[in-house]
Amino acid sequence: MAKVLVIGVAGEDGLYLADLDAGTIAKIPAPTKGALASADQLRASGVVITKGVNLAVTAQSTASVSGGFMDG
């Protein structure tokens, strides 16, 4: 299983690193070179990039997730 995820939210600047073992999420500096920088540039232009993730959904709050956000 993956131990960390890099997350970018549509319409928002910046990337975040989620450490699943530690249970933390932190903003990371903008990548300036390499594959992550290329992916971030594509993402900024509207491209959706996924690798190794089979569910990702945005919600307005944690309450909406636990309150049946995906029901029905």
PDB file of N, CA and C in Angstrom:
ATOM      1  N   MET A   1       0.836  -1.189   0.000  1.00  0.00           N
ATOM      2  CA  MET A   1       0.000   0.000   0.000  1.00  0.00           C
ATOM      3  C   MET A   1       0.874   1.244   0.000  1.00  0.00           C
ATOM      4  N   ALA A   2       0.401   2.275  -0.668  1.00  0.00           N
ATOM      5  CA  ALA A   2       1.119   3.552  -0.695  1.00  0.00           C
ATOM      6  C   ALA A   2       1.213   4.122   0.712  1.00  0.00           C
ATOM      7  N   LYS A   3       2.315   4.743   0.998  1.00  0.00           N
ATOM      8  CA  LYS A   3       2.507   5.355   2.311  1.00  0.00           C
ATOM      9  C   LYS A   3       2.294   6.854   2.292  1.00  0.00           C
ATOM     10  N   VAL A   4       2.489   7.487   1.122  1.00  0.00           N
ATOM     11  CA  VAL A   4       2.278   8.931   0.996  1.00  0.00           C
ATOM     12  C   VAL A   4       1.552   9.227  -0.308  1.00  0.00           C
ATOM     13  N   LEU A   5       0.818  10.335  -0.325  1.00  0.00           N
ATOM     14  CA  LEU A   5       0.104  10.799  -1.508  1.00  0.00           C
ATOM     15  C   LEU A   5       0.445  12.257  -1.740  1.00  0.00           C
ATOM     16  N   VAL A   6       0.569  12.657  -2.994  1.00  0.00           N
ATOM     17  CA  VAL A   6       0.676  14.064  -3.349  1.00  0.00           C
ATOM     18  C   VAL A   6      -0.699  14.458  -3.860  1.00  0.00           C
ATOM     19  N   ILE A   7      -1.243  15.533  -3.290  1.00  0.00           N
ATOM     20  CA  ILE A   7      -2.610  15.942  -3.590  1.00  0.00           C
ATOM     21  C   ILE A   7      -2.621  17.381  -4.099  1.00  0.00           C
ATOM     22  N   GLY A   8      -3.359  17.599  -5.167  1.00  0.00           N
ATOM     23  CA  GLY A   8      -3.640  18.937  -5.669  1.00  0.00           C
ATOM     24  C   GLY A   8      -5.146  19.053  -5.852  1.00  0.00           C
ATOM     25  N   VAL A   9      -5.719  20.153  -5.460  1.00  0.00           N
ATOM     26  CA  VAL A   9      -7.169  20.355  -5.547  1.00  0.00           C
ATOM     27  C   VAL A   9      -7.463  21.305  -6.701  1.00  0.00           C
ATOM     28  N   ALA A  10      -8.399  20.922  -7.560  1.00  0.00           N
ATOM     29  CA  ALA A  10      -8.773  21.749  -8.707  1.00  0.00           C
ATOM     30  C   ALA A  10      -9.156  23.151  -8.255  1.00  0.00           C
ATOM     31  N   GLY A  11      -8.611  24.145  -8.946  1.00  0.00           N
ATOM     32  CA  GLY A  11      -8.922  25.531  -8.627  1.00  0.00           C
ATOM     33  C   GLY A  11      -8.094  26.122  -7.511  1.00  0.00           C
ATOM     34  N   GLU A  12      -7.226  25.330  -6.922  1.00  0.00           N
ATOM     35  CA  GLU A  12      -6.378  25.790  -5.819  1.00  0.00           C
ATOM     36  C   GLU A  12      -4.919  25.692  -6.238  1.00  0.00           C
ATOM     37  N   ASP A  13      -4.119  26.651  -5.819  1.00  0.00           N
ATOM     38  CA  ASP A  13      -2.680  26.579  -6.053  1.00  0.00           C
ATOM     39  C   ASP A  13      -2.030  25.716  -4.992  1.00  0.00           C
ATOM     40  N   GLY A  14      -0.931  25.100  -5.333  1.00  0.00           N
ATOM     41  CA  GLY A  14      -0.148  24.356  -4.358  1.00  0.00           C
ATOM     42  C   GLY A  14      -0.476  22.879  -4.321  1.00  0.00           C
ATOM     43  N   LEU A  15       0.487  22.149  -3.802  1.00  0.00           N
ATOM     44  CA  LEU A  15       0.366  20.706  -3.626  1.00  0.00           C
ATOM     45  C   LEU A  15       0.540  20.364  -2.159  1.00  0.00           C
ATOM     46  N   TYR A  16      -0.012  19.233  -1.774  1.00  0.00           N
ATOM     47  CA  TYR A  16       0.060  18.767  -0.394  1.00  0.00           C
ATOM     48  C   TYR A  16       0.597  17.350  -0.364  1.00  0.00           C
ATOM     49  N   LEU A  17       1.295  17.028   0.703  1.00  0.00           N
ATOM     50  CA  LEU A  17       1.803  15.688   0.918  1.00  0.00           C
ATOM     51  C   LEU A  17       1.053  15.079   2.100  1.00  0.00           C
ATOM     52  N   ALA A  18       0.358  13.982   1.841  1.00  0.00           N
ATOM     53  CA  ALA A  18      -0.374  13.273   2.891  1.00  0.00           C
ATOM     54  C   ALA A  18       0.427  12.039   3.278  1.00  0.00           C
ATOM     55  N   ASP A  19       0.801  11.949   4.532  1.00  0.00           N
ATOM     56  CA  ASP A  19       1.518  10.791   5.061  1.00  0.00           C
ATOM     57  C   ASP A  19       0.489   9.917   5.777  1.00  0.00           C
ATOM     58  N   LEU A  20       0.142   8.798   5.166  1.00  0.00           N
ATOM     59  CA  LEU A  20      -0.916   7.950   5.712  1.00  0.00           C
ATOM     60  C   LEU A  20      -0.539   7.311   7.036  1.00  0.00           C
ATOM     61  N   ASP A  21       0.722   6.926   7.191  1.00  0.00           N
ATOM     62  CA  ASP A  21       1.142   6.317   8.455  1.00  0.00           C
ATOM     63  C   ASP A  21       1.109   7.319   9.605  1.00  0.00           C
ATOM     64  N   ALA A  22       1.552   8.539   9.340  1.00  0.00           N
ATOM     65  CA  ALA A  22       1.596   9.556  10.389  1.00  0.00           C
ATOM     66  C   ALA A  22       0.247  10.244  10.576  1.00  0.00           C
ATOM     67  N   GLY A  23      -0.628  10.134   9.570  1.00  0.00           N
ATOM     68  CA  GLY A  23      -1.922  10.804   9.650  1.00  0.00           C
ATOM     69  C   GLY A  23      -1.809  12.312   9.511  1.00  0.00           C
ATOM     70  N   THR A  24      -0.860  12.767   8.666  1.00  0.00           N
ATOM     71  CA  THR A  24      -0.644  14.201   8.508  1.00  0.00           C
ATOM     72  C   THR A  24      -0.749  14.621   7.044  1.00  0.00           C
ATOM     73  N   ILE A  25      -1.068  15.896   6.857  1.00  0.00           N
ATOM     74  CA  ILE A  25      -1.071  16.510   5.535  1.00  0.00           C
ATOM     75  C   ILE A  25      -0.369  17.850   5.677  1.00  0.00           C
ATOM     76  N   ALA A  26       0.585  18.106   4.760  1.00  0.00           N
ATOM     77  CA  ALA A  26       1.332  19.358   4.812  1.00  0.00           C
ATOM     78  C   ALA A  26       1.508  19.905   3.402  1.00  0.00           C
ATOM     79  N   LYS A  27       1.432  21.228   3.277  1.00  0.00           N
ATOM     80  CA  LYS A  27       1.693  21.872   1.991  1.00  0.00           C
ATOM     81  C   LYS A  27       3.174  21.714   1.681  1.00  0.00           C
ATOM     82  N   ILE A  28       3.487  21.442   0.413  1.00  0.00           N
ATOM     83  CA  ILE A  28       4.878  21.281   0.012  1.00  0.00           C
ATOM     84  C   ILE A  28       5.278  22.435  -0.901  1.00  0.00           C
ATOM     85  N   PRO A  29       6.564  22.751  -0.946  1.00  0.00           N
ATOM     86  CA  PRO A  29       7.016  23.808  -1.854  1.00  0.00           C
ATOM     87  C   PRO A  29       6.705  23.434  -3.300  1.00  0.00           C
ATOM     88  N   ALA A  30       6.441  24.431  -4.124  1.00  0.00           N
ATOM     89  CA  ALA A  30       6.164  24.184  -5.542  1.00  0.00           C
ATOM     90  C   ALA A  30       7.371  23.509  -6.180  1.00  0.00           C
ATOM     91  N   PRO A  31       7.164  22.376  -6.843  1.00  0.00           N
ATOM     92  CA  PRO A  31       8.285  21.703  -7.492  1.00  0.00           C
ATOM     93  C   PRO A  31       8.787  22.531  -8.670  1.00  0.00           C
ATOM     94  N   THR A  32      10.096  22.575  -8.860  1.00  0.00           N
ATOM     95  CA  THR A  32      10.671  23.393  -9.921  1.00  0.00           C
ATOM     96  C   THR A  32      11.287  22.571 -11.042  1.00  0.00           C
ATOM     97  N   LYS A  33      11.460  21.268 -10.810  1.00  0.00           N
ATOM     98  CA  LYS A  33      12.025  20.421 -11.858  1.00  0.00           C
ATOM     99  C   LYS A  33      11.570  18.985 -11.649  1.00  0.00           C
ATOM    100  N   GLY A  34      11.745  18.195 -12.673  1.00  0.00           N
ATOM    101  CA  GLY A  34      11.417  16.780 -12.579  1.00  0.00           C
ATOM    102  C   GLY A  34       9.964  16.472 -12.898  1.00  0.00           C
ATOM    103  N   ALA A  35       9.622  15.203 -12.701  1.00  0.00           N
ATOM    104  CA  ALA A  35       8.293  14.705 -13.064  1.00  0.00           C
ATOM    105  C   ALA A  35       7.177  15.390 -12.273  1.00  0.00           C
ATOM    106  N   LEU A  36       7.417  15.682 -10.999  1.00  0.00           N
ATOM    107  CA  LEU A  36       6.369  16.324 -10.203  1.00  0.00           C
ATOM    108  C   LEU A  36       6.109  17.748 -10.692  1.00  0.00           C
ATOM    109  N   ALA A  37       7.148  18.459 -11.091  1.00  0.00           N
ATOM    110  CA  ALA A  37       6.963  19.801 -11.644  1.00  0.00           C
ATOM    111  C   ALA A  37       6.182  19.734 -12.953  1.00  0.00           C
ATOM    112  N   SER A  38       6.495  18.772 -13.793  1.00  0.00           N
ATOM    113  CA  SER A  38       5.762  18.606 -15.052  1.00  0.00           C
ATOM    114  C   SER A  38       4.297  18.289 -14.792  1.00  0.00           C
ATOM    115  N   ALA A  39       4.043  17.386 -13.849  1.00  0.00           N
ATOM    116  CA  ALA A  39       2.670  17.019 -13.505  1.00  0.00           C
ATOM    117  C   ALA A  39       1.921  18.222 -12.929  1.00  0.00           C
ATOM    118  N   ASP A  40       2.598  19.029 -12.126  1.00  0.00           N
ATOM    119  CA  ASP A  40       1.952  20.202 -11.537  1.00  0.00           C
ATOM    120  C   ASP A  40       1.601  21.224 -12.614  1.00  0.00           C
ATOM    121  N   GLN A  41       2.457  21.383 -13.623  1.00  0.00           N
ATOM    122  CA  GLN A  41       2.160  22.289 -14.730  1.00  0.00           C
ATOM    123  C   GLN A  41       0.946  21.795 -15.523  1.00  0.00           C
ATOM    124  N   LEU A  42       0.888  20.498 -15.772  1.00  0.00           N
ATOM    125  CA  LEU A  42      -0.271  19.928 -16.467  1.00  0.00           C
ATOM    126  C   LEU A  42      -1.542  20.138 -15.651  1.00  0.00           C
ATOM    127  N   ARG A  43      -1.454  19.881 -14.349  1.00  0.00           N
ATOM    128  CA  ARG A  43      -2.593  20.049 -13.451  1.00  0.00           C
ATOM    129  C   ARG A  43      -3.099  21.479 -13.470  1.00  0.00           C
ATOM    130  N   ALA A  44      -2.185  22.440 -13.487  1.00  0.00           N
ATOM    131  CA  ALA A  44      -2.564  23.855 -13.504  1.00  0.00           C
ATOM    132  C   ALA A  44      -3.320  24.224 -14.774  1.00  0.00           C
ATOM    133  N   SER A  45      -3.089  23.465 -15.854  1.00  0.00           N
ATOM    134  CA  SER A  45      -3.785  23.748 -17.110  1.00  0.00           C
ATOM    135  C   SER A  45      -5.108  23.005 -17.224  1.00  0.00           C
ATOM    136  N   GLY A  46      -5.464  22.246 -16.192  1.00  0.00           N
ATOM    137  CA  GLY A  46      -6.759  21.573 -16.172  1.00  0.00           C
ATOM    138  C   GLY A  46      -6.717  20.072 -16.363  1.00  0.00           C
ATOM    139  N   VAL A  47      -5.550  19.522 -16.596  1.00  0.00           N
ATOM    140  CA  VAL A  47      -5.427  18.076 -16.768  1.00  0.00           C
ATOM    141  C   VAL A  47      -5.598  17.392 -15.417  1.00  0.00           C
ATOM    142  N   VAL A  48      -6.342  16.292 -15.397  1.00  0.00           N
ATOM    143  CA  VAL A  48      -6.506  15.498 -14.178  1.00  0.00           C
ATOM    144  C   VAL A  48      -5.516  14.332 -14.256  1.00  0.00           C
ATOM    145  N   ILE A  49      -4.698  14.193 -13.230  1.00  0.00           N
ATOM    146  CA  ILE A  49      -3.660  13.159 -13.207  1.00  0.00           C
ATOM    147  C   ILE A  49      -3.910  12.249 -12.017  1.00  0.00           C
ATOM    148  N   THR A  50      -4.011  10.949 -12.278  1.00  0.00           N
ATOM    149  CA  THR A  50      -4.144   9.981 -11.196  1.00  0.00           C
ATOM    150  C   THR A  50      -3.188   8.827 -11.443  1.00  0.00           C
ATOM    151  N   LYS A  51      -2.620   8.316 -10.384  1.00  0.00           N
ATOM    152  CA  LYS A  51      -1.771   7.131 -10.465  1.00  0.00           C
ATOM    153  C   LYS A  51      -1.848   6.437  -9.106  1.00  0.00           C
ATOM    154  N   GLY A  52      -2.375   5.248  -9.101  1.00  0.00           N
ATOM    155  CA  GLY A  52      -2.440   4.477  -7.868  1.00  0.00           C
ATOM    156  C   GLY A  52      -3.542   4.896  -6.909  1.00  0.00           C
ATOM    157  N   VAL A  53      -4.469   5.729  -7.368  1.00  0.00           N
ATOM    158  CA  VAL A  53      -5.588   6.181  -6.541  1.00  0.00           C
ATOM    159  C   VAL A  53      -6.863   5.710  -7.219  1.00  0.00           C
ATOM    160  N   ASN A  54      -7.763   5.064  -6.462  1.00  0.00           N
ATOM    161  CA  ASN A  54      -8.992   4.600  -7.094  1.00  0.00           C
ATOM    162  C   ASN A  54     -10.244   5.296  -6.568  1.00  0.00           C
ATOM    163  N   LEU A  55     -10.085   6.262  -5.656  1.00  0.00           N
ATOM    164  CA  LEU A  55     -11.199   7.101  -5.234  1.00  0.00           C
ATOM    165  C   LEU A  55     -10.638   8.402  -4.681  1.00  0.00           C
ATOM    166  N   ALA A  56     -11.123   9.507  -5.199  1.00  0.00           N
ATOM    167  CA  ALA A  56     -10.778  10.827  -4.678  1.00  0.00           C
ATOM    168  C   ALA A  56     -11.978  11.727  -4.930  1.00  0.00           C
ATOM    169  N   VAL A  57     -12.534  12.297  -3.873  1.00  0.00           N
ATOM    170  CA  VAL A  57     -13.724  13.128  -3.972  1.00  0.00           C
ATOM    171  C   VAL A  57     -13.530  14.343  -3.071  1.00  0.00           C
ATOM    172  N   THR A  58     -13.856  15.523  -3.569  1.00  0.00           N
ATOM    173  CA  THR A  58     -13.809  16.697  -2.704  1.00  0.00           C
ATOM    174  C   THR A  58     -15.159  16.866  -2.014  1.00  0.00           C
ATOM    175  N   ALA A  59     -15.123  17.449  -0.832  1.00  0.00           N
ATOM    176  CA  ALA A  59     -16.338  17.716  -0.056  1.00  0.00           C
ATOM    177  C   ALA A  59     -16.158  19.066   0.632  1.00  0.00           C
ATOM    178  N   GLN A  60     -17.245  19.663   1.040  1.00  0.00           N
ATOM    179  CA  GLN A  60     -17.197  20.973   1.693  1.00  0.00           C
ATOM    180  C   GLN A  60     -16.724  20.904   3.149  1.00  0.00           C
ATOM    181  N   SER A  61     -16.938  19.749   3.800  1.00  0.00           N
ATOM    182  CA  SER A  61     -16.540  19.621   5.199  1.00  0.00           C
ATOM    183  C   SER A  61     -16.493  18.151   5.596  1.00  0.00           C
ATOM    184  N   THR A  62     -15.877  17.868   6.735  1.00  0.00           N
ATOM    185  CA  THR A  62     -15.874  16.496   7.227  1.00  0.00           C
ATOM    186  C   THR A  62     -17.271  16.056   7.609  1.00  0.00           C
ATOM    187  N   ALA A  63     -18.099  16.982   8.050  1.00  0.00           N
ATOM    188  CA  ALA A  63     -19.477  16.642   8.418  1.00  0.00           C
ATOM    189  C   ALA A  63     -20.264  16.132   7.206  1.00  0.00           C
ATOM    190  N   SER A  64     -20.000  16.727   6.040  1.00  0.00           N
ATOM    191  CA  SER A  64     -20.744  16.282   4.857  1.00  0.00           C
ATOM    192  C   SER A  64     -20.335  14.870   4.444  1.00  0.00           C
ATOM    193  N   VAL A  65     -19.102  14.485   4.722  1.00  0.00           N
ATOM    194  CA  VAL A  65     -18.654  13.118   4.386  1.00  0.00           C
ATOM    195  C   VAL A  65     -19.307  12.117   5.335  1.00  0.00           C
ATOM    196  N   SER A  66     -19.256  12.393   6.635  1.00  0.00           N
ATOM    197  CA  SER A  66     -19.825  11.454   7.592  1.00  0.00           C
ATOM    198  C   SER A  66     -21.345  11.520   7.617  1.00  0.00           C
ATOM    199  N   GLY A  67     -21.914  12.570   7.027  1.00  0.00           N
ATOM    200  CA  GLY A  67     -23.359  12.738   7.034  1.00  0.00           C
ATOM    201  C   GLY A  67     -24.059  12.235   5.777  1.00  0.00           C
ATOM    202  N   GLY A  68     -23.400  11.387   5.001  1.00  0.00           N
ATOM    203  CA  GLY A  68     -24.058  10.796   3.844  1.00  0.00           C
ATOM    204  C   GLY A  68     -23.778  11.491   2.536  1.00  0.00           C
ATOM    205  N   PHE A  69     -22.670  12.193   2.418  1.00  0.00           N
ATOM    206  CA  PHE A  69     -22.277  12.907   1.210  1.00  0.00           C
ATOM    207  C   PHE A  69     -22.390  12.035  -0.038  1.00  0.00           C
ATOM    208  N   MET A  70     -22.018  10.776   0.062  1.00  0.00           N
ATOM    209  CA  MET A  70     -22.010   9.893  -1.092  1.00  0.00           C
ATOM    210  C   MET A  70     -23.238   8.988  -1.152  1.00  0.00           C
ATOM    211  N   ASP A  71     -24.189   9.150  -0.245  1.00  0.00           N
ATOM    212  CA  ASP A  71     -25.377   8.306  -0.237  1.00  0.00           C
ATOM    213  C   ASP A  71     -26.300   8.624  -1.395  1.00  0.00           C
ATOM    214  N   GLY A  72     -27.086   7.597  -1.800  1.00  0.00           N
ATOM    215  CA  GLY A  72     -28.154   7.798  -2.742  1.00  0.00           C
ATOM    216  C   GLY A  72     -27.764   7.781  -4.153  1.00  0.00           C
TER     217      GLY A  72
END
